[in-house]
C-alpha atoms as a PDB file:
ATOM      1  CA  MET A   1      43.203   3.535   8.729  1.00  0.00           C
ATOM      2  CA  ARG A   2      40.043   1.582   9.569  1.00  0.00           C
ATOM      3  CA  LEU A   3      38.736   4.503  11.637  1.00  0.00           C
ATOM      4  CA  THR A   4      39.294   6.907   8.732  1.00  0.00           C
ATOM      5  CA  THR A   5      37.399   4.630   6.321  1.00  0.00           C
ATOM      6  CA  LEU A   6      34.575   4.232   8.816  1.00  0.00           C
ATOM      7  CA  HIS A   7      34.479   7.987   9.399  1.00  0.00           C
ATOM      8  CA  ALA A   8      34.366   8.723   5.647  1.00  0.00           C
ATOM      9  CA  GLY A   9      31.595   6.165   5.139  1.00  0.00           C
ATOM     10  CA  LEU A  10      29.585   7.645   7.989  1.00  0.00           C
ATOM     11  CA  CYS A  11      29.957  11.156   6.570  1.00  0.00           C
ATOM     12  CA  LEU A  12      28.788   9.991   3.135  1.00  0.00           C
ATOM     13  CA  SER A  13      25.797   8.168   4.586  1.00  0.00           C
ATOM     14  CA  LEU A  14      24.796  11.336   6.447  1.00  0.00           C
ATOM     15  CA  LEU A  15      25.134  13.524   3.346  1.00  0.00           C
ATOM     16  CA  LEU A  16      23.246  11.326   0.882  1.00  0.00           C
ATOM     17  CA  PRO A  17      19.851  11.348   2.625  1.00  0.00           C
ATOM     18  CA  GLY A  18      20.031  15.156   2.823  1.00  0.00           C
ATOM     19  CA  THR A  19      20.677  15.317  -0.894  1.00  0.00           C
ATOM     20  CA  LEU A  20      17.770  13.008  -1.634  1.00  0.00           C
ATOM     21  CA  LEU A  21      15.453  15.030   0.588  1.00  0.00           C
ATOM     22  CA  ALA A  22      16.457  18.330  -1.020  1.00  0.00           C
ATOM     23  CA  GLN A  23      13.707  17.984  -3.622  1.00  0.00           C
ATOM     24  CA  GLU A  24      10.390  19.212  -2.212  1.00  0.00           C
ATOM     25  CA  ALA A  25       7.386  17.004  -2.927  1.00  0.00           C
ATOM     26  CA  ILE A  26       4.212  18.823  -3.966  1.00  0.00           C
ATOM     27  CA  ASP A  27       0.601  17.762  -4.470  1.00  0.00           C
ATOM     28  CA  GLU A  28      -1.721  20.729  -5.080  1.00  0.00           C
ATOM     29  CA  SER A  29      -5.074  21.078  -6.815  1.00  0.00           C
ATOM     30  CA  ARG A  30      -7.521  23.851  -7.701  1.00  0.00           C
ATOM     31  CA  SER A  31     -11.060  23.818  -9.084  1.00  0.00           C
ATOM     32  CA  VAL A  32     -11.119  25.509 -12.488  1.00  0.00           C
ATOM     33  CA  SER A  33     -13.726  26.457 -15.080  1.00  0.00           C
ATOM     34  CA  PRO A  34     -14.270  24.244 -18.167  1.00  0.00           C
ATOM     35  CA  ASN A  35     -12.574  26.851 -20.400  1.00  0.00           C
ATOM     36  CA  GLU A  36      -9.799  27.858 -17.971  1.00  0.00           C
ATOM     37  CA  ARG A  37      -6.601  29.283 -19.457  1.00  0.00           C
ATOM     38  CA  ILE A  38      -3.565  27.467 -18.026  1.00  0.00           C
ATOM     39  CA  SER A  39       0.032  28.730 -17.929  1.00  0.00           C
ATOM     40  CA  ILE A  40       2.864  26.406 -16.813  1.00  0.00           C
ATOM     41  CA  GLU A  41       6.505  27.449 -16.423  1.00  0.00           C
ATOM     42  CA  VAL A  42       9.072  24.765 -15.535  1.00  0.00           C
ATOM     43  CA  VAL A  43      12.630  25.872 -16.369  1.00  0.00           C
ATOM     44  CA  ARG A  44      14.447  22.574 -15.706  1.00  0.00           C
ATOM     45  CA  GLY A  45      13.265  19.002 -15.507  1.00  0.00           C
ATOM     46  CA  THR A  46      10.286  17.103 -16.847  1.00  0.00           C
ATOM     47  CA  ALA A  47       6.667  18.227 -16.955  1.00  0.00           C
ATOM     48  CA  SER A  48       4.041  15.792 -18.201  1.00  0.00           C
ATOM     49  CA  ILE A  49       0.456  16.828 -18.874  1.00  0.00           C
ATOM     50  CA  ARG A  50      -2.486  14.481 -18.481  1.00  0.00           C
ATOM     51  CA  VAL A  51      -5.961  15.626 -19.493  1.00  0.00           C
ATOM     52  CA  SER A  52      -9.109  14.636 -17.589  1.00  0.00           C
ATOM     53  CA  ASP A  53     -12.833  15.406 -17.779  1.00  0.00           C
ATOM     54  CA  ASP A  54     -13.111  16.881 -14.292  1.00  0.00           C
ATOM     55  CA  ASN A  55     -12.638  20.621 -13.766  1.00  0.00           C
ATOM     56  CA  VAL A  56      -9.553  20.339 -11.565  1.00  0.00           C
ATOM     57  CA  PHE A  57      -6.015  21.607 -12.146  1.00  0.00           C
ATOM     58  CA  ARG A  58      -3.606  19.363 -10.265  1.00  0.00           C
ATOM     59  CA  VAL A  59       0.176  19.317  -9.993  1.00  0.00           C
ATOM     60  CA  ARG A  60       2.174  16.660  -8.180  1.00  0.00           C
ATOM     61  CA  GLY A  61       5.748  15.472  -8.116  1.00  0.00           C
ATOM     62  CA  THR A  62       9.040  16.915  -6.915  1.00  0.00           C
ATOM     63  CA  LEU A  63      10.538  20.348  -7.418  1.00  0.00           C
ATOM     64  CA  ASP A  64      13.990  21.087  -8.788  1.00  0.00           C
ATOM     65  CA  GLU A  65      16.618  20.590  -6.074  1.00  0.00           C
ATOM     66  CA  ASP A  66      17.621  24.258  -6.548  1.00  0.00           C
ATOM     67  CA  ALA A  67      14.030  25.573  -6.542  1.00  0.00           C
ATOM     68  CA  GLU A  68      13.038  28.241  -4.053  1.00  0.00           C
ATOM     69  CA  GLY A  69       9.414  27.085  -4.033  1.00  0.00           C
ATOM     70  CA  PHE A  70       6.556  27.470  -6.482  1.00  0.00           C
ATOM     71  CA  THR A  71       3.731  29.824  -7.372  1.00  0.00           C
ATOM     72  CA  LEU A  72       0.198  28.606  -8.043  1.00  0.00           C
ATOM     73  CA  ASP A  73      -2.413  31.299  -8.674  1.00  0.00           C
ATOM     74  CA  SER A  74      -5.934  30.809  -9.952  1.00  0.00           C
ATOM     75  CA  ALA A  75      -8.347  33.703 -10.547  1.00  0.00           C
ATOM     76  CA  SER A  76     -10.780  35.013 -13.160  1.00  0.00           C
ATOM     77  CA  GLY A  77     -10.501  32.026 -15.495  1.00  0.00           C
ATOM     78  CA  PHE A  78      -6.705  31.948 -15.531  1.00  0.00           C
ATOM     79  CA  THR A  79      -4.425  29.519 -13.637  1.00  0.00           C
ATOM     80  CA  HIS A  80      -0.657  30.050 -13.502  1.00  0.00           C
ATOM     81  CA  PHE A  81       1.934  27.580 -12.145  1.00  0.00           C
ATOM     82  CA  GLU A  82       5.639  28.421 -11.961  1.00  0.00           C
ATOM     83  CA  VAL A  83       8.639  26.762 -10.315  1.00  0.00           C
ATOM     84  CA  ASP A  84      10.574  29.554  -8.605  1.00  0.00           C
ATOM     85  CA  VAL A  85      14.285  29.132  -9.383  1.00  0.00           C
ATOM     86  CA  PRO A  86      17.240  31.474  -8.894  1.00  0.00           C
ATOM     87  CA  ARG A  87      17.896  33.844 -11.799  1.00  0.00           C
ATOM     88  CA  ARG A  88      21.253  32.173 -12.544  1.00  0.00           C
ATOM     89  CA  LEU A  89      19.407  28.965 -13.483  1.00  0.00           C
ATOM     90  CA  ARG A  90      17.038  30.776 -15.837  1.00  0.00           C
ATOM     91  CA  ARG A  91      20.012  31.706 -18.000  1.00  0.00           C
ATOM     92  CA  GLY A  92      21.442  28.187 -17.693  1.00  0.00           C
ATOM     93  CA  SER A  93      23.262  26.254 -20.346  1.00  0.00           C
ATOM     94  CA  TRP A  94      21.917  23.280 -22.280  1.00  0.00           C
ATOM     95  CA  LEU A  95      25.234  21.619 -21.414  1.00  0.00           C
ATOM     96  CA  ASN A  96      24.566  21.769 -17.669  1.00  0.00           C
ATOM     97  CA  ASN A  97      22.514  18.629 -17.062  1.00  0.00           C
ATOM     98  CA  ASP A  98      24.071  17.408 -13.808  1.00  0.00           C
ATOM     99  CA  ASP A  99      20.834  18.025 -11.911  1.00  0.00           C
ATOM    100  CA  GLU A 100      17.571  16.312 -12.757  1.00  0.00           C
ATOM    101  CA  GLY A 101      15.401  19.349 -12.096  1.00  0.00           C
ATOM    102  CA  SER A 102      11.680  19.190 -11.393  1.00  0.00           C
ATOM    103  CA  GLN A 103       9.699  16.020 -12.060  1.00  0.00           C
ATOM    104  CA  LEU A 104       6.077  17.151 -12.297  1.00  0.00           C
ATOM    105  CA  GLU A 105       2.775  15.826 -13.597  1.00  0.00           C
ATOM    106  CA  PHE A 106      -0.121  18.166 -14.359  1.00  0.00           C
END
């Protein structure tokens, strides 16, 4: 019995760090023009926007645990940021809030 409890505890301790590390940390920045057009698409999670006087677009934080990466393009006065998530999550339900999603600051 003690061995089973120890084994279960060990398995849980091995799984939890993997779950916590599943969210990818990002810290990216781009120089932009003073009148740059910005597009931000974050399907799940929290996105906070902080304005500054410098001409830099910056995003930092963690991506949704189900994200497949992100897209950051900047050209011709237009900057686009998007968290790439599977299509099934784009049609998600408002009731499905088990996952925290992305936690990003722009």
